[in-house]
Amino acid sequence: MSYEELLGIIRGRRSVRRFKPDPVPPEDIERMLEAALWAPSGSNTQPWLFNVVTNRDQIAQTADVIRLEIERIALEAPGFAETGENLARWGTFFDRAPLVFFVAGRRERSSWRTKLAETMPEHPAAGGSLSWLVSCAAAIQNLLLAAHALGYGTCWMGAPLVAKIPLEGFLELPEGYELLAVIPTGRPAEEPFPPRRKPREETVRLISQGR
């Protein structure tokens, strides 16, 4: 693959929120997962867990879990009600997708950070590591790009995490894993416009050499 072909896939990917009902063939799901599982990870820990749901009833039930949690929050905190209404709409549209990936990750200990915490606990780099989280993000990006290359639309959703704990229970995640993202997938029923990119001067710094 040439650089131009790769860049075309990267630039062509969109966040899709409307899907055709056509089921995703198992061989295409496997291709997406293969791309995801080849992502780099800190110390090769591969801390991700892709939970694949294609049963429409189960997908609908997970959306109901989110709606119930939003209702519960609104009852305890009435000031959240209006925000909750919007969240219920934008956080559950995945229930119309034929395939949903619920991506979880496992926090990994970093040996050098652990040792640093033992010997110099006040050092800002001591203790916990974000390597596991960054690694899972890399795997998610691989999944999104593979899906787009295969002609599918996806959306990397964080709004459903308002019901993170109830969803983890509903999905029966193994101990030590926590839900990080919900990714509905299917043939797109819309063509979103390209998202605006910030000016390069706001996002790129060239550090001069030989200062």
Protein backbone atom coordinates (compact mmCIF):
# COMPACT_ATOMS: atom_id res chain seq x y z
CA MET A 1 0.00 0.00 0.00
CA SER A 2 1.29 3.44 -0.87
CA TYR A 3 1.32 6.40 1.50
CA GLU A 4 -1.38 8.06 -0.60
CA GLU A 5 -3.64 5.01 -0.25
CA LEU A 6 -3.10 4.89 3.50
CA LEU A 7 -3.75 8.61 3.88
CA GLY A 8 -6.90 8.23 1.81
CA ILE A 9 -8.25 5.67 4.30
CA ILE A 10 -7.30 7.86 7.28
CA ARG A 11 -8.80 11.03 5.81
CA GLY A 12 -11.90 9.26 4.51
CA ARG A 13 -12.98 7.78 7.84
CA ARG A 14 -16.03 9.45 9.39
CA SER A 15 -18.05 9.16 12.58
CA VAL A 16 -21.26 7.54 11.37
CA ARG A 17 -24.44 7.63 13.45
CA ARG A 18 -26.98 6.13 11.04
CA PHE A 19 -26.64 2.57 9.79
CA LYS A 20 -28.31 0.24 7.34
CA PRO A 21 -29.78 -2.87 9.00
CA ASP A 22 -27.71 -5.32 6.95
CA PRO A 23 -25.84 -7.77 9.21
CA VAL A 24 -22.05 -7.70 9.13
CA PRO A 25 -20.61 -11.00 7.84
CA PRO A 26 -18.44 -12.89 10.34
CA GLU A 27 -15.44 -12.76 8.00
CA ASP A 28 -15.54 -8.96 7.99
CA ILE A 29 -15.78 -8.87 11.79
CA GLU A 30 -12.70 -11.08 11.92
CA ARG A 31 -10.82 -8.73 9.59
CA MET A 32 -11.61 -5.75 11.80
CA LEU A 33 -10.53 -7.65 14.90
CA GLU A 34 -7.33 -8.82 13.25
CA ALA A 35 -6.38 -5.20 12.55
CA ALA A 36 -7.25 -4.17 16.09
CA LEU A 37 -5.30 -6.98 17.72
CA TRP A 38 -2.15 -6.07 15.78
CA ALA A 39 -1.97 -2.66 17.43
CA PRO A 40 1.17 -1.81 19.42
CA SER A 41 0.97 -1.92 23.20
CA GLY A 42 3.25 -0.96 26.05
CA SER A 43 5.60 -3.88 26.87
CA ASN A 44 3.37 -5.95 24.53
CA THR A 45 0.78 -6.32 27.30
CA GLN A 46 -2.14 -6.21 24.83
CA PRO A 47 -4.48 -5.02 27.62
CA TRP A 48 -7.62 -4.81 25.48
CA LEU A 49 -10.77 -6.92 25.34
CA PHE A 50 -13.16 -6.54 22.40
CA ASN A 51 -16.68 -7.63 23.30
CA VAL A 52 -18.56 -8.27 20.06
CA VAL A 53 -22.36 -8.04 20.07
CA THR A 54 -24.46 -8.78 16.97
CA ASN A 55 -27.72 -9.85 18.62
CA ARG A 56 -30.17 -6.98 18.14
CA ASP A 57 -32.03 -7.73 21.37
CA GLN A 58 -28.81 -7.63 23.39
CA ILE A 59 -27.78 -4.39 21.71
CA ALA A 60 -31.18 -2.88 22.59
CA GLN A 61 -30.83 -4.07 26.18
CA THR A 62 -27.47 -2.35 26.59
CA ALA A 63 -29.05 0.90 25.38
CA ASP A 64 -31.80 0.41 27.96
CA VAL A 65 -29.15 0.05 30.67
CA ILE A 66 -27.87 3.50 29.72
CA ARG A 67 -31.33 5.08 29.68
CA LEU A 68 -32.13 3.65 33.10
CA GLU A 69 -28.88 4.98 34.55
CA ILE A 70 -29.55 8.44 33.12
CA GLU A 71 -33.05 8.38 34.63
CA ARG A 72 -31.59 7.35 37.99
CA ILE A 73 -29.08 10.19 37.93
CA ALA A 74 -31.78 12.72 36.99
CA LEU A 75 -33.93 11.60 39.93
CA GLU A 76 -31.06 12.10 42.37
CA ALA A 77 -29.80 15.27 40.69
CA PRO A 78 -32.72 17.17 39.06
CA GLY A 79 -30.31 19.72 37.61
CA PHE A 80 -29.00 16.97 35.34
CA ALA A 81 -32.40 16.28 33.75
CA GLU A 82 -32.03 18.44 30.65
CA THR A 83 -28.48 17.25 30.01
CA GLY A 84 -29.69 13.71 30.61
CA GLU A 85 -32.33 14.01 27.90
CA ASN A 86 -29.72 14.93 25.32
CA LEU A 87 -27.35 12.27 26.61
CA ALA A 88 -30.05 9.62 26.34
CA ARG A 89 -30.47 10.50 22.68
CA TRP A 90 -26.81 10.82 21.66
CA GLY A 91 -25.59 8.06 23.94
CA THR A 92 -27.87 5.30 22.71
CA PHE A 93 -28.13 5.68 18.93
CA PHE A 94 -25.88 2.63 18.66
CA ASP A 95 -28.98 0.49 19.26
CA ARG A 96 -29.77 0.89 15.55
CA ALA A 97 -26.47 -0.66 14.43
CA PRO A 98 -26.19 -4.34 13.43
CA LEU A 99 -22.84 -4.73 15.22
CA VAL A 100 -21.44 -3.11 18.35
CA PHE A 101 -17.98 -3.46 19.84
CA PHE A 102 -17.79 -2.81 23.58
CA VAL A 103 -14.09 -2.20 24.14
CA ALA A 104 -12.63 -2.79 27.58
CA GLY A 105 -9.10 -2.50 28.94
CA ARG A 106 -7.09 -3.78 31.87
CA ARG A 107 -4.89 -1.47 33.90
CA GLU A 108 -1.30 -2.70 33.73
CA ARG A 109 1.45 -1.97 36.22
CA SER A 110 4.65 -0.49 34.89
CA SER A 111 7.74 -2.07 36.45
CA TRP A 112 9.86 1.06 36.32
CA ARG A 113 7.06 3.28 37.58
CA THR A 114 6.39 0.85 40.41
CA LYS A 115 10.06 0.82 41.37
CA LEU A 116 10.20 4.60 41.15
CA ALA A 117 7.19 4.80 43.48
CA GLU A 118 9.00 2.59 45.98
CA THR A 119 12.23 4.57 45.89
CA MET A 120 11.02 8.13 45.14
CA PRO A 121 7.25 8.30 45.64
CA GLU A 122 7.21 12.09 45.26
CA HIS A 123 8.46 11.90 41.66
CA PRO A 124 5.68 12.93 39.21
CA ALA A 125 6.25 9.85 37.04
CA ALA A 126 5.92 7.43 39.96
CA GLY A 127 2.99 5.09 40.34
CA GLY A 128 0.26 4.49 37.78
CA SER A 129 0.79 4.35 34.05
CA LEU A 130 -1.45 5.40 31.16
CA SER A 131 0.27 2.97 28.81
CA TRP A 132 -2.64 0.52 28.99
CA LEU A 133 -5.11 3.23 28.03
CA VAL A 134 -2.98 4.50 25.15
CA SER A 135 -2.53 0.93 23.92
CA CYS A 136 -6.29 0.34 23.87
CA ALA A 137 -6.77 3.60 21.97
CA ALA A 138 -4.30 2.41 19.33
CA ALA A 139 -6.25 -0.83 18.94
CA ILE A 140 -9.51 1.10 18.61
CA GLN A 141 -8.03 3.31 15.89
CA ASN A 142 -6.89 0.21 13.98
CA LEU A 143 -10.42 -1.15 14.23
CA LEU A 144 -11.97 2.07 12.93
CA LEU A 145 -9.63 2.27 9.96
CA ALA A 146 -10.08 -1.40 9.06
CA ALA A 147 -13.86 -1.02 9.20
CA HIS A 148 -13.71 2.01 6.91
CA ALA A 149 -11.42 0.18 4.46
CA LEU A 150 -14.03 -2.59 4.31
CA GLY A 151 -16.83 -0.12 3.56
CA TYR A 152 -18.35 0.16 7.05
CA GLY A 153 -19.15 3.16 9.18
CA THR A 154 -18.25 3.41 12.85
CA CYS A 155 -18.41 5.88 15.71
CA TRP A 156 -16.08 5.97 18.72
CA MET A 157 -18.56 6.66 21.52
CA GLY A 158 -17.81 7.82 25.04
CA ALA A 159 -21.29 9.02 26.06
CA PRO A 160 -22.47 5.50 27.01
CA LEU A 161 -19.84 5.51 29.76
CA VAL A 162 -22.27 7.50 31.87
CA ALA A 163 -23.51 3.97 32.65
CA LYS A 164 -20.01 2.46 32.81
CA ILE A 165 -20.52 0.39 35.96
CA PRO A 166 -23.99 -0.97 35.05
CA LEU A 167 -22.78 -1.80 31.54
CA GLU A 168 -19.74 -3.64 32.87
CA GLY A 169 -22.10 -5.74 34.97
CA PHE A 170 -24.50 -6.36 32.09
CA LEU A 171 -21.63 -7.42 29.82
CA GLU A 172 -20.14 -9.56 32.59
CA LEU A 173 -16.65 -8.22 31.97
CA PRO A 174 -13.87 -10.31 33.50
CA GLU A 175 -12.42 -9.01 36.75
CA GLY A 176 -9.86 -6.28 36.21
CA TYR A 177 -11.31 -4.99 32.94
CA GLU A 178 -13.15 -1.69 32.59
CA LEU A 179 -15.27 -0.39 29.74
CA LEU A 180 -13.56 2.28 27.61
CA ALA A 181 -15.61 2.75 24.45
CA VAL A 182 -18.70 1.68 22.54
CA ILE A 183 -18.30 1.38 18.77
CA PRO A 184 -21.42 0.80 16.63
CA THR A 185 -20.56 -0.59 13.20
CA GLY A 186 -22.50 -1.16 9.99
CA ARG A 187 -22.99 -0.06 6.42
CA PRO A 188 -23.41 3.73 6.62
CA ALA A 189 -26.83 5.23 5.92
CA GLU A 190 -25.38 8.74 5.76
CA GLU A 191 -22.35 10.57 4.37
CA PRO A 192 -21.05 12.94 7.07
CA PHE A 193 -19.10 15.99 5.98
CA PRO A 194 -15.34 15.99 6.64
CA PRO A 195 -14.70 17.30 10.16
CA ARG A 196 -12.91 20.62 10.51
CA ARG A 197 -9.21 20.40 11.26
CA LYS A 198 -7.51 22.94 13.51
CA PRO A 199 -4.78 25.07 11.92
CA ARG A 200 -1.42 23.32 12.01
CA GLU A 201 0.11 26.11 14.06
CA GLU A 202 -2.26 25.18 16.90
CA THR A 203 -1.39 21.48 16.89
CA VAL A 204 2.21 21.18 15.63
CA ARG A 205 5.40 22.57 17.15
CA LEU A 206 8.78 22.38 15.47
CA ILE A 207 11.47 22.26 18.13
CA SER A 208 14.58 23.94 16.79
CA GLN A 209 17.85 22.02 16.93
CA GLY A 210 21.15 23.32 18.29
CA ARG A 211 19.69 25.95 20.58
